[in-house]
Amino acid sequence: MNTINVAQLRKENHLTQEQLARIIGVSRQTIKNWEAGKPIPSTSVMKLNEVFNSGSPLVANNIQGNNSQNSDTVVLAFIDQLKEKDKQIDRLLGIIENISK
């Protein structure tokens, strides 16, 4: 299963570990682990294959290209992360309120 050279594919497609992590939906540390040779779950192998398939707009045009679809995808991934952080902040504020009462 580790026949995928994640680092090579990522670098060939001008992606940082952080960018690939956002696209795949994992942490940067997970990408780092895969690049170090740790096993890649089959569901993640499928996602990697989707991303690095030559038909993928992210890879075909590179994340740093002028393709607006690339920018949209990165922005949407960033927005998703912000929404998750907002949920975490709301939970923490709720906990703090309950402790303060």
PDB file of N, CA and C in Angstrom:
ATOM      1  N   MET A   1       0.825  -1.197   0.000  1.00  0.00           N
ATOM      2  CA  MET A   1       0.000   0.000   0.000  1.00  0.00           C
ATOM      3  C   MET A   1       0.867   1.258   0.000  1.00  0.00           C
ATOM      4  N   ASN A   2       2.072   1.171   0.500  1.00  0.00           N
ATOM      5  CA  ASN A   2       2.951   2.325   0.540  1.00  0.00           C
ATOM      6  C   ASN A   2       3.760   2.475  -0.736  1.00  0.00           C
ATOM      7  N   THR A   3       3.238   1.980  -1.841  1.00  0.00           N
ATOM      8  CA  THR A   3       3.937   2.154  -3.100  1.00  0.00           C
ATOM      9  C   THR A   3       3.730   3.564  -3.642  1.00  0.00           C
ATOM     10  N   ILE A   4       2.834   4.315  -3.015  1.00  0.00           N
ATOM     11  CA  ILE A   4       2.604   5.694  -3.415  1.00  0.00           C
ATOM     12  C   ILE A   4       3.689   6.562  -2.788  1.00  0.00           C
ATOM     13  N   ASN A   5       4.420   7.273  -3.607  1.00  0.00           N
ATOM     14  CA  ASN A   5       5.433   8.187  -3.091  1.00  0.00           C
ATOM     15  C   ASN A   5       4.766   9.549  -2.945  1.00  0.00           C
ATOM     16  N   VAL A   6       4.177   9.764  -1.782  1.00  0.00           N
ATOM     17  CA  VAL A   6       3.391  10.975  -1.532  1.00  0.00           C
ATOM     18  C   VAL A   6       4.245  12.223  -1.696  1.00  0.00           C
ATOM     19  N   ALA A   7       5.451  12.206  -1.159  1.00  0.00           N
ATOM     20  CA  ALA A   7       6.319  13.389  -1.233  1.00  0.00           C
ATOM     21  C   ALA A   7       6.631  13.740  -2.681  1.00  0.00           C
ATOM     22  N   GLN A   8       6.955  12.744  -3.473  1.00  0.00           N
ATOM     23  CA  GLN A   8       7.286  13.000  -4.877  1.00  0.00           C
ATOM     24  C   GLN A   8       6.085  13.555  -5.633  1.00  0.00           C
ATOM     25  N   LEU A   9       4.923  12.925  -5.458  1.00  0.00           N
ATOM     26  CA  LEU A   9       3.716  13.403  -6.138  1.00  0.00           C
ATOM     27  C   LEU A   9       3.366  14.828  -5.703  1.00  0.00           C
ATOM     28  N   ARG A  10       3.475  15.058  -4.397  1.00  0.00           N
ATOM     29  CA  ARG A  10       3.143  16.381  -3.863  1.00  0.00           C
ATOM     30  C   ARG A  10       4.067  17.441  -4.452  1.00  0.00           C
ATOM     31  N   LYS A  11       5.368  17.159  -4.456  1.00  0.00           N
ATOM     32  CA  LYS A  11       6.340  18.130  -4.958  1.00  0.00           C
ATOM     33  C   LYS A  11       6.199  18.342  -6.461  1.00  0.00           C
ATOM     34  N   GLU A  12       5.957  17.272  -7.203  1.00  0.00           N
ATOM     35  CA  GLU A  12       5.775  17.387  -8.656  1.00  0.00           C
ATOM     36  C   GLU A  12       4.590  18.274  -9.008  1.00  0.00           C
ATOM     37  N   ASN A  13       3.617  18.319  -8.093  1.00  0.00           N
ATOM     38  CA  ASN A  13       2.405  19.094  -8.332  1.00  0.00           C
ATOM     39  C   ASN A  13       2.387  20.404  -7.560  1.00  0.00           C
ATOM     40  N   HIS A  14       3.559  20.783  -7.053  1.00  0.00           N
ATOM     41  CA  HIS A  14       3.746  22.090  -6.404  1.00  0.00           C
ATOM     42  C   HIS A  14       2.772  22.319  -5.250  1.00  0.00           C
ATOM     43  N   LEU A  15       2.596  21.292  -4.427  1.00  0.00           N
ATOM     44  CA  LEU A  15       1.738  21.393  -3.259  1.00  0.00           C
ATOM     45  C   LEU A  15       2.586  21.319  -1.999  1.00  0.00           C
ATOM     46  N   THR A  16       2.222  22.084  -0.996  1.00  0.00           N
ATOM     47  CA  THR A  16       2.861  21.955   0.302  1.00  0.00           C
ATOM     48  C   THR A  16       2.168  20.816   1.056  1.00  0.00           C
ATOM     49  N   GLN A  17       2.773  20.381   2.137  1.00  0.00           N
ATOM     50  CA  GLN A  17       2.118  19.356   2.960  1.00  0.00           C
ATOM     51  C   GLN A  17       0.776  19.875   3.468  1.00  0.00           C
ATOM     52  N   GLU A  18       0.749  21.131   3.864  1.00  0.00           N
ATOM     53  CA  GLU A  18      -0.482  21.739   4.386  1.00  0.00           C
ATOM     54  C   GLU A  18      -1.580  21.771   3.318  1.00  0.00           C
ATOM     55  N   GLN A  19      -1.216  22.158   2.099  1.00  0.00           N
ATOM     56  CA  GLN A  19      -2.207  22.212   1.019  1.00  0.00           C
ATOM     57  C   GLN A  19      -2.766  20.827   0.725  1.00  0.00           C
ATOM     58  N   LEU A  20      -1.884  19.838   0.631  1.00  0.00           N
ATOM     59  CA  LEU A  20      -2.347  18.475   0.351  1.00  0.00           C
ATOM     60  C   LEU A  20      -3.220  17.965   1.493  1.00  0.00           C
ATOM     61  N   ALA A  21      -2.824  18.269   2.712  1.00  0.00           N
ATOM     62  CA  ALA A  21      -3.611  17.844   3.873  1.00  0.00           C
ATOM     63  C   ALA A  21      -5.030  18.404   3.806  1.00  0.00           C
ATOM     64  N   ARG A  22      -5.147  19.692   3.462  1.00  0.00           N
ATOM     65  CA  ARG A  22      -6.483  20.310   3.351  1.00  0.00           C
ATOM     66  C   ARG A  22      -7.298  19.652   2.253  1.00  0.00           C
ATOM     67  N   ILE A  23      -6.674  19.389   1.142  1.00  0.00           N
ATOM     68  CA  ILE A  23      -7.383  18.795   0.013  1.00  0.00           C
ATOM     69  C   ILE A  23      -7.866  17.389   0.354  1.00  0.00           C
ATOM     70  N   ILE A  24      -7.010  16.608   1.002  1.00  0.00           N
ATOM     71  CA  ILE A  24      -7.334  15.220   1.349  1.00  0.00           C
ATOM     72  C   ILE A  24      -8.259  15.160   2.563  1.00  0.00           C
ATOM     73  N   GLY A  25      -8.168  16.164   3.435  1.00  0.00           N
ATOM     74  CA  GLY A  25      -8.993  16.175   4.642  1.00  0.00           C
ATOM     75  C   GLY A  25      -8.315  15.483   5.819  1.00  0.00           C
ATOM     76  N   VAL A  26      -6.977  15.613   5.883  1.00  0.00           N
ATOM     77  CA  VAL A  26      -6.211  15.053   6.993  1.00  0.00           C
ATOM     78  C   VAL A  26      -5.313  16.153   7.551  1.00  0.00           C
ATOM     79  N   SER A  27      -4.573  15.835   8.598  1.00  0.00           N
ATOM     80  CA  SER A  27      -3.655  16.824   9.163  1.00  0.00           C
ATOM     81  C   SER A  27      -2.337  16.845   8.392  1.00  0.00           C
ATOM     82  N   ARG A  28      -1.594  17.932   8.562  1.00  0.00           N
ATOM     83  CA  ARG A  28      -0.271  18.018   7.940  1.00  0.00           C
ATOM     84  C   ARG A  28       0.626  16.924   8.491  1.00  0.00           C
ATOM     85  N   GLN A  29       0.466  16.620   9.775  1.00  0.00           N
ATOM     86  CA  GLN A  29       1.269  15.563  10.394  1.00  0.00           C
ATOM     87  C   GLN A  29       1.010  14.216   9.725  1.00  0.00           C
ATOM     88  N   THR A  30      -0.230  13.978   9.331  1.00  0.00           N
ATOM     89  CA  THR A  30      -0.554  12.725   8.635  1.00  0.00           C
ATOM     90  C   THR A  30       0.198  12.643   7.313  1.00  0.00           C
ATOM     91  N   ILE A  31       0.213  13.741   6.569  1.00  0.00           N
ATOM     92  CA  ILE A  31       0.961  13.769   5.297  1.00  0.00           C
ATOM     93  C   ILE A  31       2.435  13.506   5.579  1.00  0.00           C
ATOM     94  N   LYS A  32       2.960  14.153   6.607  1.00  0.00           N
ATOM     95  CA  LYS A  32       4.364  13.970   6.996  1.00  0.00           C
ATOM     96  C   LYS A  32       4.647  12.501   7.326  1.00  0.00           C
ATOM     97  N   ASN A  33       3.723  11.871   8.057  1.00  0.00           N
ATOM     98  CA  ASN A  33       3.880  10.456   8.410  1.00  0.00           C
ATOM     99  C   ASN A  33       3.888   9.570   7.168  1.00  0.00           C
ATOM    100  N   TRP A  34       2.974   9.837   6.243  1.00  0.00           N
ATOM    101  CA  TRP A  34       2.924   9.043   5.011  1.00  0.00           C
ATOM    102  C   TRP A  34       4.221   9.194   4.230  1.00  0.00           C
ATOM    103  N   GLU A  35       4.728  10.434   4.185  1.00  0.00           N
ATOM    104  CA  GLU A  35       5.969  10.685   3.448  1.00  0.00           C
ATOM    105  C   GLU A  35       7.155   9.993   4.120  1.00  0.00           C
ATOM    106  N   ALA A  36       7.044   9.727   5.415  1.00  0.00           N
ATOM    107  CA  ALA A  36       8.094   9.026   6.150  1.00  0.00           C
ATOM    108  C   ALA A  36       7.947   7.506   6.041  1.00  0.00           C
ATOM    109  N   GLY A  37       6.908   7.053   5.332  1.00  0.00           N
ATOM    110  CA  GLY A  37       6.742   5.624   5.104  1.00  0.00           C
ATOM    111  C   GLY A  37       5.705   4.930   5.954  1.00  0.00           C
ATOM    112  N   LYS A  38       4.958   5.686   6.764  1.00  0.00           N
ATOM    113  CA  LYS A  38       3.901   5.071   7.571  1.00  0.00           C
ATOM    114  C   LYS A  38       2.790   4.576   6.641  1.00  0.00           C
ATOM    115  N   PRO A  39       2.055   3.544   7.081  1.00  0.00           N
ATOM    116  CA  PRO A  39       0.990   2.995   6.231  1.00  0.00           C
ATOM    117  C   PRO A  39      -0.099   4.028   5.916  1.00  0.00           C
ATOM    118  N   ILE A  40      -0.624   3.933   4.713  1.00  0.00           N
ATOM    119  CA  ILE A  40      -1.699   4.823   4.270  1.00  0.00           C
ATOM    120  C   ILE A  40      -2.981   4.005   4.220  1.00  0.00           C
ATOM    121  N   PRO A  41      -4.026   4.414   4.957  1.00  0.00           N
ATOM    122  CA  PRO A  41      -5.295   3.679   4.916  1.00  0.00           C
ATOM    123  C   PRO A  41      -5.866   3.648   3.499  1.00  0.00           C
ATOM    124  N   SER A  42      -6.599   2.593   3.190  1.00  0.00           N
ATOM    125  CA  SER A  42      -7.122   2.427   1.831  1.00  0.00           C
ATOM    126  C   SER A  42      -8.024   3.589   1.408  1.00  0.00           C
ATOM    127  N   THR A  43      -8.805   4.143   2.349  1.00  0.00           N
ATOM    128  CA  THR A  43      -9.666   5.273   1.984  1.00  0.00           C
ATOM    129  C   THR A  43      -8.827   6.484   1.590  1.00  0.00           C
ATOM    130  N   SER A  44      -7.702   6.655   2.259  1.00  0.00           N
ATOM    131  CA  SER A  44      -6.812   7.773   1.924  1.00  0.00           C
ATOM    132  C   SER A  44      -6.084   7.515   0.611  1.00  0.00           C
ATOM    133  N   VAL A  45      -5.766   6.259   0.336  1.00  0.00           N
ATOM    134  CA  VAL A  45      -5.147   5.919  -0.948  1.00  0.00           C
ATOM    135  C   VAL A  45      -6.104   6.308  -2.075  1.00  0.00           C
ATOM    136  N   MET A  46      -7.385   6.038  -1.874  1.00  0.00           N
ATOM    137  CA  MET A  46      -8.372   6.406  -2.896  1.00  0.00           C
ATOM    138  C   MET A  46      -8.426   7.918  -3.084  1.00  0.00           C
ATOM    139  N   LYS A  47      -8.383   8.667  -1.982  1.00  0.00           N
ATOM    140  CA  LYS A  47      -8.403  10.128  -2.079  1.00  0.00           C
ATOM    141  C   LYS A  47      -7.153  10.649  -2.785  1.00  0.00           C
ATOM    142  N   LEU A  48      -5.997  10.061  -2.444  1.00  0.00           N
ATOM    143  CA  LEU A  48      -4.752  10.463  -3.099  1.00  0.00           C
ATOM    144  C   LEU A  48      -4.825  10.185  -4.597  1.00  0.00           C
ATOM    145  N   ASN A  49      -5.370   9.026  -4.948  1.00  0.00           N
ATOM    146  CA  ASN A  49      -5.515   8.698  -6.368  1.00  0.00           C
ATOM    147  C   ASN A  49      -6.423   9.702  -7.073  1.00  0.00           C
ATOM    148  N   GLU A  50      -7.478  10.126  -6.399  1.00  0.00           N
ATOM    149  CA  GLU A  50      -8.375  11.120  -6.988  1.00  0.00           C
ATOM    150  C   GLU A  50      -7.647  12.445  -7.207  1.00  0.00           C
ATOM    151  N   VAL A  51      -6.897  12.871  -6.202  1.00  0.00           N
ATOM    152  CA  VAL A  51      -6.197  14.152  -6.277  1.00  0.00           C
ATOM    153  C   VAL A  51      -5.124  14.119  -7.358  1.00  0.00           C
ATOM    154  N   PHE A  52      -4.368  13.022  -7.400  1.00  0.00           N
ATOM    155  CA  PHE A  52      -3.245  12.975  -8.320  1.00  0.00           C
ATOM    156  C   PHE A  52      -3.590  12.348  -9.670  1.00  0.00           C
ATOM    157  N   ASN A  53      -4.855  12.076  -9.887  1.00  0.00           N
ATOM    158  CA  ASN A  53      -5.308  11.611 -11.194  1.00  0.00           C
ATOM    159  C   ASN A  53      -5.108  12.764 -12.165  1.00  0.00           C
ATOM    160  N   SER A  54      -4.609  12.488 -13.320  1.00  0.00           N
ATOM    161  CA  SER A  54      -4.295  13.560 -14.281  1.00  0.00           C
ATOM    162  C   SER A  54      -5.522  14.380 -14.654  1.00  0.00           C
ATOM    163  N   GLY A  55      -6.716  13.831 -14.447  1.00  0.00           N
ATOM    164  CA  GLY A  55      -7.924  14.586 -14.755  1.00  0.00           C
ATOM    165  C   GLY A  55      -8.333  15.556 -13.666  1.00  0.00           C
ATOM    166  N   SER A  56      -7.649  15.508 -12.531  1.00  0.00           N
ATOM    167  CA  SER A  56      -8.005  16.382 -11.427  1.00  0.00           C
ATOM    168  C   SER A  56      -7.602  17.813 -11.735  1.00  0.00           C
ATOM    169  N   PRO A  57      -8.541  18.769 -11.650  1.00  0.00           N
ATOM    170  CA  PRO A  57      -8.179  20.162 -11.932  1.00  0.00           C
ATOM    171  C   PRO A  57      -7.118  20.692 -10.985  1.00  0.00           C
ATOM    172  N   LEU A  58      -7.077  20.192  -9.741  1.00  0.00           N
ATOM    173  CA  LEU A  58      -6.063  20.670  -8.800  1.00  0.00           C
ATOM    174  C   LEU A  58      -4.667  20.319  -9.274  1.00  0.00           C
ATOM    175  N   VAL A  59      -4.524  19.113  -9.776  1.00  0.00           N
ATOM    176  CA  VAL A  59      -3.202  18.660 -10.174  1.00  0.00           C
ATOM    177  C   VAL A  59      -2.889  19.061 -11.601  1.00  0.00           C
ATOM    178  N   ALA A  60      -3.852  18.958 -12.468  1.00  0.00           N
ATOM    179  CA  ALA A  60      -3.606  19.257 -13.878  1.00  0.00           C
ATOM    180  C   ALA A  60      -3.119  20.691 -14.072  1.00  0.00           C
ATOM    181  N   ASN A  61      -3.619  21.603 -13.254  1.00  0.00           N
ATOM    182  CA  ASN A  61      -3.257  23.008 -13.407  1.00  0.00           C
ATOM    183  C   ASN A  61      -2.380  23.523 -12.284  1.00  0.00           C
ATOM    184  N   ASN A  62      -2.101  22.669 -11.298  1.00  0.00           N
ATOM    185  CA  ASN A  62      -1.288  23.012 -10.135  1.00  0.00           C
ATOM    186  C   ASN A  62      -1.959  24.070  -9.269  1.00  0.00           C
ATOM    187  N   ILE A  63      -1.767  23.913  -7.988  1.00  0.00           N
ATOM    188  CA  ILE A  63      -2.392  24.794  -7.009  1.00  0.00           C
ATOM    189  C   ILE A  63      -1.928  26.235  -7.165  1.00  0.00           C
ATOM    190  N   GLN A  64      -0.729  26.439  -7.742  1.00  0.00           N
ATOM    191  CA  GLN A  64      -0.203  27.783  -7.880  1.00  0.00           C
ATOM    192  C   GLN A  64      -0.534  28.382  -9.242  1.00  0.00           C
ATOM    193  N   GLY A  65      -1.278  27.654 -10.048  1.00  0.00           N
ATOM    194  CA  GLY A  65      -1.617  28.142 -11.380  1.00  0.00           C
ATOM    195  C   GLY A  65      -2.649  29.246 -11.338  1.00  0.00           C
ATOM    196  N   ASN A  66      -3.083  29.683 -12.495  1.00  0.00           N
ATOM    197  CA  ASN A  66      -4.051  30.769 -12.577  1.00  0.00           C
ATOM    198  C   ASN A  66      -5.484  30.271 -12.635  1.00  0.00           C
ATOM    199  N   ASN A  67      -5.693  29.005 -12.499  1.00  0.00           N
ATOM    200  CA  ASN A  67      -7.023  28.425 -12.583  1.00  0.00           C
ATOM    201  C   ASN A  67      -7.846  28.849 -11.381  1.00  0.00           C
ATOM    202  N   SER A  68      -8.975  29.484 -11.616  1.00  0.00           N
ATOM    203  CA  SER A  68      -9.801  29.966 -10.505  1.00  0.00           C
ATOM    204  C   SER A  68     -10.399  28.808  -9.727  1.00  0.00           C
ATOM    205  N   GLN A  69     -10.565  27.660 -10.387  1.00  0.00           N
ATOM    206  CA  GLN A  69     -11.100  26.501  -9.680  1.00  0.00           C
ATOM    207  C   GLN A  69     -10.138  26.065  -8.582  1.00  0.00           C
ATOM    208  N   ASN A  70      -8.842  26.156  -8.841  1.00  0.00           N
ATOM    209  CA  ASN A  70      -7.844  25.828  -7.820  1.00  0.00           C
ATOM    210  C   ASN A  70      -7.995  26.751  -6.622  1.00  0.00           C
ATOM    211  N   SER A  71      -8.073  28.024  -6.887  1.00  0.00           N
ATOM    212  CA  SER A  71      -8.209  29.007  -5.813  1.00  0.00           C
ATOM    213  C   SER A  71      -9.483  28.759  -5.027  1.00  0.00           C
ATOM    214  N   ASP A  72     -10.569  28.475  -5.744  1.00  0.00           N
ATOM    215  CA  ASP A  72     -11.847  28.204  -5.087  1.00  0.00           C
ATOM    216  C   ASP A  72     -11.738  27.007  -4.157  1.00  0.00           C
ATOM    217  N   THR A  73     -11.065  25.962  -4.607  1.00  0.00           N
ATOM    218  CA  THR A  73     -10.935  24.760  -3.794  1.00  0.00           C
ATOM    219  C   THR A  73     -10.140  25.041  -2.528  1.00  0.00           C
ATOM    220  N   VAL A  74      -9.062  25.764  -2.656  1.00  0.00           N
ATOM    221  CA  VAL A  74      -8.244  26.095  -1.488  1.00  0.00           C
ATOM    222  C   VAL A  74      -9.023  26.994  -0.541  1.00  0.00           C
ATOM    223  N   VAL A  75      -9.729  27.976  -1.073  1.00  0.00           N
ATOM    224  CA  VAL A  75     -10.522  28.886  -0.248  1.00  0.00           C
ATOM    225  C   VAL A  75     -11.616  28.113   0.482  1.00  0.00           C
ATOM    226  N   LEU A  76     -12.292  27.209  -0.223  1.00  0.00           N
ATOM    227  CA  LEU A  76     -13.349  26.420   0.417  1.00  0.00           C
ATOM    228  C   LEU A  76     -12.778  25.540   1.532  1.00  0.00           C
ATOM    229  N   ALA A  77     -11.616  24.954   1.302  1.00  0.00           N
ATOM    230  CA  ALA A  77     -10.976  24.142   2.340  1.00  0.00           C
ATOM    231  C   ALA A  77     -10.631  25.005   3.546  1.00  0.00           C
ATOM    232  N   PHE A  78     -10.155  26.213   3.288  1.00  0.00           N
ATOM    233  CA  PHE A  78      -9.819  27.142   4.371  1.00  0.00           C
ATOM    234  C   PHE A  78     -11.071  27.550   5.136  1.00  0.00           C
ATOM    235  N   ILE A  79     -12.143  27.837   4.434  1.00  0.00           N
ATOM    236  CA  ILE A  79     -13.407  28.209   5.076  1.00  0.00           C
ATOM    237  C   ILE A  79     -13.916  27.073   5.947  1.00  0.00           C
ATOM    238  N   ASP A  80     -13.805  25.834   5.450  1.00  0.00           N
ATOM    239  CA  ASP A  80     -14.226  24.679   6.244  1.00  0.00           C
ATOM    240  C   ASP A  80     -13.434  24.599   7.539  1.00  0.00           C
ATOM    241  N   GLN A  81     -12.134  24.859   7.451  1.00  0.00           N
ATOM    242  CA  GLN A  81     -11.302  24.840   8.656  1.00  0.00           C
ATOM    243  C   GLN A  81     -11.731  25.933   9.625  1.00  0.00           C
ATOM    244  N   LEU A  82     -12.017  27.120   9.100  1.00  0.00           N
ATOM    245  CA  LEU A  82     -12.453  28.219   9.964  1.00  0.00           C
ATOM    246  C   LEU A  82     -13.774  27.895  10.646  1.00  0.00           C
ATOM    247  N   LYS A  83     -14.694  27.276   9.917  1.00  0.00           N
ATOM    248  CA  LYS A  83     -15.982  26.903  10.503  1.00  0.00           C
ATOM    249  C   LYS A  83     -15.775  25.919  11.648  1.00  0.00           C
ATOM    250  N   GLU A  84     -14.876  24.965  11.448  1.00  0.00           N
ATOM    251  CA  GLU A  84     -14.593  23.993  12.497  1.00  0.00           C
ATOM    252  C   GLU A  84     -13.984  24.677  13.711  1.00  0.00           C
ATOM    253  N   LYS A  85     -13.080  25.621  13.475  1.00  0.00           N
ATOM    254  CA  LYS A  85     -12.471  26.366  14.585  1.00  0.00           C
ATOM    255  C   LYS A  85     -13.535  27.175  15.321  1.00  0.00           C
ATOM    256  N   ASP A  86     -14.479  27.777  14.584  1.00  0.00           N
ATOM    257  CA  ASP A  86     -15.564  28.538  15.202  1.00  0.00           C
ATOM    258  C   ASP A  86     -16.395  27.635  16.114  1.00  0.00           C
ATOM    259  N   LYS A  87     -16.678  26.419  15.666  1.00  0.00           N
ATOM    260  CA  LYS A  87     -17.437  25.472  16.485  1.00  0.00           C
ATOM    261  C   LYS A  87     -16.672  25.148  17.765  1.00  0.00           C
ATOM    262  N   GLN A  88     -15.362  24.954  17.641  1.00  0.00           N
ATOM    263  CA  GLN A  88     -14.550  24.657  18.816  1.00  0.00           C
ATOM    264  C   GLN A  88     -14.548  25.834  19.784  1.00  0.00           C
ATOM    265  N   ILE A  89     -14.447  27.044  19.262  1.00  0.00           N
ATOM    266  CA  ILE A  89     -14.458  28.242  20.102  1.00  0.00           C
ATOM    267  C   ILE A  89     -15.802  28.367  20.814  1.00  0.00           C
ATOM    268  N   ASP A  90     -16.901  28.133  20.086  1.00  0.00           N
ATOM    269  CA  ASP A  90     -18.230  28.198  20.706  1.00  0.00           C
ATOM    270  C   ASP A  90     -18.362  27.185  21.831  1.00  0.00           C
ATOM    271  N   ARG A  91     -17.844  25.969  21.627  1.00  0.00           N
ATOM    272  CA  ARG A  91     -17.896  24.957  22.678  1.00  0.00           C
ATOM    273  C   ARG A  91     -17.102  25.398  23.902  1.00  0.00           C
ATOM    274  N   LEU A  92     -15.914  25.948  23.671  1.00  0.00           N
ATOM    275  CA  LEU A  92     -15.094  26.419  24.787  1.00  0.00           C
ATOM    276  C   LEU A  92     -15.765  27.567  25.532  1.00  0.00           C
ATOM    277  N   LEU A  93     -16.365  28.491  24.797  1.00  0.00           N
ATOM    278  CA  LEU A  93     -17.071  29.600  25.448  1.00  0.00           C
ATOM    279  C   LEU A  93     -18.236  29.083  26.289  1.00  0.00           C
ATOM    280  N   GLY A  94     -18.932  28.075  25.792  1.00  0.00           N
ATOM    281  CA  GLY A  94     -20.023  27.466  26.557  1.00  0.00           C
ATOM    282  C   GLY A  94     -19.520  26.842  27.846  1.00  0.00           C
ATOM    283  N   ILE A  95     -18.400  26.163  27.768  1.00  0.00           N
ATOM    284  CA  ILE A  95     -17.801  25.546  28.957  1.00  0.00           C
ATOM    285  C   ILE A  95     -17.396  26.617  29.955  1.00  0.00           C
ATOM    286  N   ILE A  96     -16.790  27.692  29.466  1.00  0.00           N
ATOM    287  CA  ILE A  96     -16.351  28.781  30.343  1.00  0.00           C
ATOM    288  C   ILE A  96     -17.557  29.438  31.014  1.00  0.00           C
ATOM    289  N   GLU A  97     -18.634  29.640  30.255  1.00  0.00           N
ATOM    290  CA  GLU A  97     -19.850  30.220  30.832  1.00  0.00           C
ATOM    291  C   GLU A  97     -20.401  29.347  31.945  1.00  0.00           C
ATOM    292  N   ASN A  98     -20.426  28.027  31.704  1.00  0.00           N
ATOM    293  CA  ASN A  98     -20.956  27.114  32.714  1.00  0.00           C
ATOM    294  C   ASN A  98     -20.083  27.113  33.963  1.00  0.00           C
ATOM    295  N   ILE A  99     -18.791  27.208  33.801  1.00  0.00           N
ATOM    296  CA  ILE A  99     -17.885  27.239  34.948  1.00  0.00           C
ATOM    297  C   ILE A  99     -18.050  28.537  35.725  1.00  0.00           C
ATOM    298  N   SER A 100     -18.291  29.633  35.008  1.00  0.00           N
ATOM    299  CA  SER A 100     -18.418  30.951  35.631  1.00  0.00           C
ATOM    300  C   SER A 100     -19.687  31.095  36.446  1.00  0.00           C
ATOM    301  N   LYS A 101     -20.680  30.282  36.181  1.00  0.00           N
ATOM    302  CA  LYS A 101     -21.980  30.414  36.877  1.00  0.00           C
ATOM    303  C   LYS A 101     -21.959  29.843  38.249  1.00  0.00           C
TER     304      LYS A 101
END
